[in-house]
Amino acid sequence: MTNSIAPCWDATERESLVVVRGSPPTQLETDSRVLVLDKQGILRSSYKRAADNTLVEAKKVVRSLSILGGGKRRPLLVDYRGMRSMDRDARAYFAGPSAAAVVSATAILVDSSLEKAIGNLFINKPLVPTRLFTSDSQAMAWLRTYLP
C-alpha cells in the first residue's frame, strides 16, 4: 500500500496535513483521528488518543470522510470512546449540512457518561439518522441498512 500526504486547506487556518493510505485511499488520519472506509463501504472514525474536538478538527474530519467516501454518502460509525470534549461549534458542524452531504447515517459508540452526554447533545438536531450504541456489532447492523 502506498502512503502520501495530502494538504487540506481552509481560509482560516494554515495548511494542515492528512496522511493518506492506499490509492484510492481507504484510510486517512487527522491530528486526533483515524478514519477508515471498510470493505462493506461503512466509514469508521476512532480517536488516536484522548482528544478535544474543535471546529478546525471537525472540518478536517468531514473533508477526510468526503475523500474516503468517493463522492457517495455513506454510513458512519464514530467511536466516541477516548474523546475528552467537543465544543459547540464542532457539534454544530458535525450535525450540519457539510457532514450530511457525505454521511447517510451516524452510529455513535459510547461507554462513559461524558460520551453519552456529548452524544445526546449531538443527536438533538442531526440532519441524518443518528443513534447511540454501546455495542459495535449492533451499531454495524443498524448502519448496514443505510449502505448505498
C-alpha atoms as a PDB file:
ATOM      1  CA  MET A   1       0.000   0.000   0.000  1.00  0.00           C
ATOM      2  CA  THR A   2       1.295   3.465  -0.830  1.00  0.00           C
ATOM      3  CA  ASN A   3       1.295   6.375   1.597  1.00  0.00           C
ATOM      4  CA  SER A   4       1.237  10.031   0.698  1.00  0.00           C
ATOM      5  CA  ILE A   5       0.499  13.368   2.305  1.00  0.00           C
ATOM      6  CA  ALA A   6      -2.483  15.358   1.042  1.00  0.00           C
ATOM      7  CA  PRO A   7      -2.829  19.010   2.008  1.00  0.00           C
ATOM      8  CA  CYS A   8      -6.190  20.198   3.302  1.00  0.00           C
ATOM      9  CA  TRP A   9      -6.851  23.929   3.082  1.00  0.00           C
ATOM     10  CA  ASP A  10      -9.121  26.292   4.928  1.00  0.00           C
ATOM     11  CA  ALA A  11      -9.174  30.075   4.616  1.00  0.00           C
ATOM     12  CA  THR A  12      -8.928  30.495   8.397  1.00  0.00           C
ATOM     13  CA  GLU A  13      -6.123  28.032   9.094  1.00  0.00           C
ATOM     14  CA  ARG A  14      -2.655  27.240   7.863  1.00  0.00           C
ATOM     15  CA  GLU A  15      -2.112  24.178   5.722  1.00  0.00           C
ATOM     16  CA  SER A  16      -2.931  21.012   7.584  1.00  0.00           C
ATOM     17  CA  LEU A  17      -1.661  17.588   6.596  1.00  0.00           C
ATOM     18  CA  VAL A  18      -3.710  14.442   6.295  1.00  0.00           C
ATOM     19  CA  VAL A  19      -1.902  11.093   5.991  1.00  0.00           C
ATOM     20  CA  VAL A  20      -3.380   9.075   3.123  1.00  0.00           C
ATOM     21  CA  ARG A  21      -3.087   5.278   2.906  1.00  0.00           C
ATOM     22  CA  GLY A  22      -3.990   3.459  -0.291  1.00  0.00           C
ATOM     23  CA  SER A  23      -4.984   4.574  -3.763  1.00  0.00           C
ATOM     24  CA  PRO A  24      -7.859   5.223  -3.808  1.00  0.00           C
ATOM     25  CA  PRO A  25      -7.486   5.913  -0.110  1.00  0.00           C
ATOM     26  CA  THR A  26      -9.094   3.571   2.420  1.00  0.00           C
ATOM     27  CA  GLN A  27      -7.581   5.219   5.499  1.00  0.00           C
ATOM     28  CA  LEU A  28      -6.913   8.845   6.416  1.00  0.00           C
ATOM     29  CA  GLU A  29      -5.564  10.396   9.592  1.00  0.00           C
ATOM     30  CA  THR A  30      -6.146  13.835  11.099  1.00  0.00           C
ATOM     31  CA  ASP A  31      -4.440  15.234  14.180  1.00  0.00           C
ATOM     32  CA  SER A  32      -6.604  13.200  16.537  1.00  0.00           C
ATOM     33  CA  ARG A  33      -8.424  10.557  14.473  1.00  0.00           C
ATOM     34  CA  VAL A  34      -8.029   7.573  12.219  1.00  0.00           C
ATOM     35  CA  LEU A  35     -10.742   7.387   9.544  1.00  0.00           C
ATOM     36  CA  VAL A  36     -11.304   4.198   7.543  1.00  0.00           C
ATOM     37  CA  LEU A  37     -13.550   3.057   4.708  1.00  0.00           C
ATOM     38  CA  ASP A  38     -14.139  -0.621   5.471  1.00  0.00           C
ATOM     39  CA  LYS A  39     -14.753  -3.391   2.919  1.00  0.00           C
ATOM     40  CA  GLN A  40     -18.525  -3.127   3.406  1.00  0.00           C
ATOM     41  CA  GLY A  41     -18.492   0.570   2.459  1.00  0.00           C
ATOM     42  CA  ILE A  42     -19.005   1.872   6.003  1.00  0.00           C
ATOM     43  CA  LEU A  43     -16.908   4.798   7.222  1.00  0.00           C
ATOM     44  CA  ARG A  44     -15.294   4.448  10.664  1.00  0.00           C
ATOM     45  CA  SER A  45     -13.846   7.152  12.887  1.00  0.00           C
ATOM     46  CA  SER A  46     -11.817   6.464  16.028  1.00  0.00           C
ATOM     47  CA  TYR A  47      -9.513   8.504  18.237  1.00  0.00           C
ATOM     48  CA  LYS A  48      -5.738   8.012  18.272  1.00  0.00           C
ATOM     49  CA  ARG A  49      -5.617   9.326  21.852  1.00  0.00           C
ATOM     50  CA  ALA A  50      -7.791  11.286  24.271  1.00  0.00           C
ATOM     51  CA  ALA A  51      -8.779  14.340  22.275  1.00  0.00           C
ATOM     52  CA  ASP A  52     -10.699  17.590  22.375  1.00  0.00           C
ATOM     53  CA  ASN A  53     -12.874  18.331  19.346  1.00  0.00           C
ATOM     54  CA  THR A  54     -12.784  21.821  17.884  1.00  0.00           C
ATOM     55  CA  LEU A  55     -14.301  23.311  14.750  1.00  0.00           C
ATOM     56  CA  VAL A  56     -10.916  23.115  12.980  1.00  0.00           C
ATOM     57  CA  GLU A  57     -10.658  19.372  13.674  1.00  0.00           C
ATOM     58  CA  ALA A  58     -14.326  18.831  12.708  1.00  0.00           C
ATOM     59  CA  LYS A  59     -13.647  20.399   9.296  1.00  0.00           C
ATOM     60  CA  LYS A  60     -10.619  18.135   8.785  1.00  0.00           C
ATOM     61  CA  VAL A  61     -12.681  15.072   9.695  1.00  0.00           C
ATOM     62  CA  VAL A  62     -15.538  15.928   7.314  1.00  0.00           C
ATOM     63  CA  ARG A  63     -13.071  16.646   4.463  1.00  0.00           C
ATOM     64  CA  SER A  64     -11.422  13.300   5.140  1.00  0.00           C
ATOM     65  CA  LEU A  65     -14.770  11.469   5.160  1.00  0.00           C
ATOM     66  CA  SER A  66     -15.609  13.108   1.841  1.00  0.00           C
ATOM     67  CA  ILE A  67     -12.357  11.866   0.312  1.00  0.00           C
ATOM     68  CA  LEU A  68     -12.863   8.340   1.648  1.00  0.00           C
ATOM     69  CA  GLY A  69     -16.497   8.237   0.527  1.00  0.00           C
ATOM     70  CA  GLY A  70     -15.507   8.870  -3.060  1.00  0.00           C
ATOM     71  CA  GLY A  71     -18.484  11.095  -3.810  1.00  0.00           C
ATOM     72  CA  LYS A  72     -21.074   8.796  -2.211  1.00  0.00           C
ATOM     73  CA  ARG A  73     -22.951   9.423   1.026  1.00  0.00           C
ATOM     74  CA  ARG A  74     -22.036   6.556   3.342  1.00  0.00           C
ATOM     75  CA  PRO A  75     -22.976   5.407   6.836  1.00  0.00           C
ATOM     76  CA  LEU A  76     -20.510   6.344   9.601  1.00  0.00           C
ATOM     77  CA  LEU A  77     -19.531   4.602  12.835  1.00  0.00           C
ATOM     78  CA  VAL A  78     -17.997   7.124  15.261  1.00  0.00           C
ATOM     79  CA  ASP A  79     -16.225   5.684  18.284  1.00  0.00           C
ATOM     80  CA  TYR A  80     -16.538   8.358  20.994  1.00  0.00           C
ATOM     81  CA  ARG A  81     -14.521   6.221  23.412  1.00  0.00           C
ATOM     82  CA  GLY A  82     -11.359   8.226  24.009  1.00  0.00           C
ATOM     83  CA  MET A  83     -12.889  11.644  23.429  1.00  0.00           C
ATOM     84  CA  ARG A  84     -12.328  14.284  26.112  1.00  0.00           C
ATOM     85  CA  SER A  85     -14.607  17.068  24.914  1.00  0.00           C
ATOM     86  CA  MET A  86     -16.363  18.602  21.916  1.00  0.00           C
ATOM     87  CA  ASP A  87     -17.073  22.309  21.644  1.00  0.00           C
ATOM     88  CA  ARG A  88     -20.407  23.708  20.472  1.00  0.00           C
ATOM     89  CA  ASP A  89     -19.082  24.770  17.051  1.00  0.00           C
ATOM     90  CA  ALA A  90     -17.700  21.278  16.361  1.00  0.00           C
ATOM     91  CA  ARG A  91     -21.030  19.648  17.367  1.00  0.00           C
ATOM     92  CA  ALA A  92     -22.944  22.032  15.108  1.00  0.00           C
ATOM     93  CA  TYR A  93     -20.603  21.347  12.189  1.00  0.00           C
ATOM     94  CA  PHE A  94     -20.842  17.556  12.580  1.00  0.00           C
ATOM     95  CA  ALA A  95     -24.664  17.797  12.768  1.00  0.00           C
ATOM     96  CA  GLY A  96     -24.922  20.290   9.888  1.00  0.00           C
ATOM     97  CA  PRO A  97     -25.128  20.261   6.097  1.00  0.00           C
ATOM     98  CA  SER A  98     -21.398  19.781   5.393  1.00  0.00           C
ATOM     99  CA  ALA A  99     -21.375  16.436   7.198  1.00  0.00           C
ATOM    100  CA  ALA A 100     -24.831  15.444   5.895  1.00  0.00           C
ATOM    101  CA  ALA A 101     -23.507  15.858   2.348  1.00  0.00           C
ATOM    102  CA  VAL A 102     -21.104  12.919   2.880  1.00  0.00           C
ATOM    103  CA  VAL A 103     -22.770  10.826   5.612  1.00  0.00           C
ATOM    104  CA  SER A 104     -26.086   8.945   5.228  1.00  0.00           C
ATOM    105  CA  ALA A 105     -26.423   7.834   8.886  1.00  0.00           C
ATOM    106  CA  THR A 106     -24.302   8.013  12.050  1.00  0.00           C
ATOM    107  CA  ALA A 107     -23.909   5.415  14.791  1.00  0.00           C
ATOM    108  CA  ILE A 108     -22.051   6.707  17.860  1.00  0.00           C
ATOM    109  CA  LEU A 109     -20.284   4.219  20.137  1.00  0.00           C
ATOM    110  CA  VAL A 110     -20.159   5.325  23.773  1.00  0.00           C
ATOM    111  CA  ASP A 111     -19.262   3.801  27.124  1.00  0.00           C
ATOM    112  CA  SER A 112     -18.922   6.674  29.601  1.00  0.00           C
ATOM    113  CA  SER A 113     -21.368   9.206  30.975  1.00  0.00           C
ATOM    114  CA  LEU A 114     -19.377  12.076  29.360  1.00  0.00           C
ATOM    115  CA  GLU A 115     -19.540  10.385  25.953  1.00  0.00           C
ATOM    116  CA  LYS A 116     -23.277   9.729  26.378  1.00  0.00           C
ATOM    117  CA  ALA A 117     -23.891  13.371  27.325  1.00  0.00           C
ATOM    118  CA  ILE A 118     -21.968  14.638  24.288  1.00  0.00           C
ATOM    119  CA  GLY A 119     -23.652  12.053  22.073  1.00  0.00           C
ATOM    120  CA  ASN A 120     -27.097  13.113  23.276  1.00  0.00           C
ATOM    121  CA  LEU A 121     -26.255  16.752  22.505  1.00  0.00           C
ATOM    122  CA  PHE A 122     -25.171  15.716  19.014  1.00  0.00           C
ATOM    123  CA  ILE A 123     -28.280  13.681  18.218  1.00  0.00           C
ATOM    124  CA  ASN A 124     -30.572  16.512  19.294  1.00  0.00           C
ATOM    125  CA  LYS A 125     -30.732  18.113  15.813  1.00  0.00           C
ATOM    126  CA  PRO A 126     -28.926  15.962  13.218  1.00  0.00           C
ATOM    127  CA  LEU A 127     -29.757  16.091   9.518  1.00  0.00           C
ATOM    128  CA  VAL A 128     -29.175  12.326   9.108  1.00  0.00           C
ATOM    129  CA  PRO A 129     -30.437   9.364  11.154  1.00  0.00           C
ATOM    130  CA  THR A 130     -28.260   9.145  14.283  1.00  0.00           C
ATOM    131  CA  ARG A 131     -28.247   6.691  17.210  1.00  0.00           C
ATOM    132  CA  LEU A 132     -26.097   5.937  20.258  1.00  0.00           C
ATOM    133  CA  PHE A 133     -24.815   2.394  20.797  1.00  0.00           C
ATOM    134  CA  THR A 134     -22.698   0.577  23.367  1.00  0.00           C
ATOM    135  CA  SER A 135     -22.204  -2.438  21.065  1.00  0.00           C
ATOM    136  CA  ASP A 136     -20.081  -2.330  17.906  1.00  0.00           C
ATOM    137  CA  SER A 137     -22.000  -5.247  16.331  1.00  0.00           C
ATOM    138  CA  GLN A 138     -25.413  -3.639  16.935  1.00  0.00           C
ATOM    139  CA  ALA A 139     -24.170  -0.324  15.524  1.00  0.00           C
ATOM    140  CA  MET A 140     -22.809  -2.033  12.402  1.00  0.00           C
ATOM    141  CA  ALA A 141     -26.044  -3.976  11.852  1.00  0.00           C
ATOM    142  CA  TRP A 142     -28.021  -0.723  12.015  1.00  0.00           C
ATOM    143  CA  LEU A 143     -25.588   1.087   9.688  1.00  0.00           C
ATOM    144  CA  ARG A 144     -25.727  -1.673   7.053  1.00  0.00           C
ATOM    145  CA  THR A 145     -29.368  -0.684   6.431  1.00  0.00           C
ATOM    146  CA  TYR A 146     -28.055   2.696   5.162  1.00  0.00           C
ATOM    147  CA  LEU A 147     -25.479   1.403   2.671  1.00  0.00           C
ATOM    148  CA  PRO A 148     -25.803   2.907  -0.835  1.00  0.00           C
END
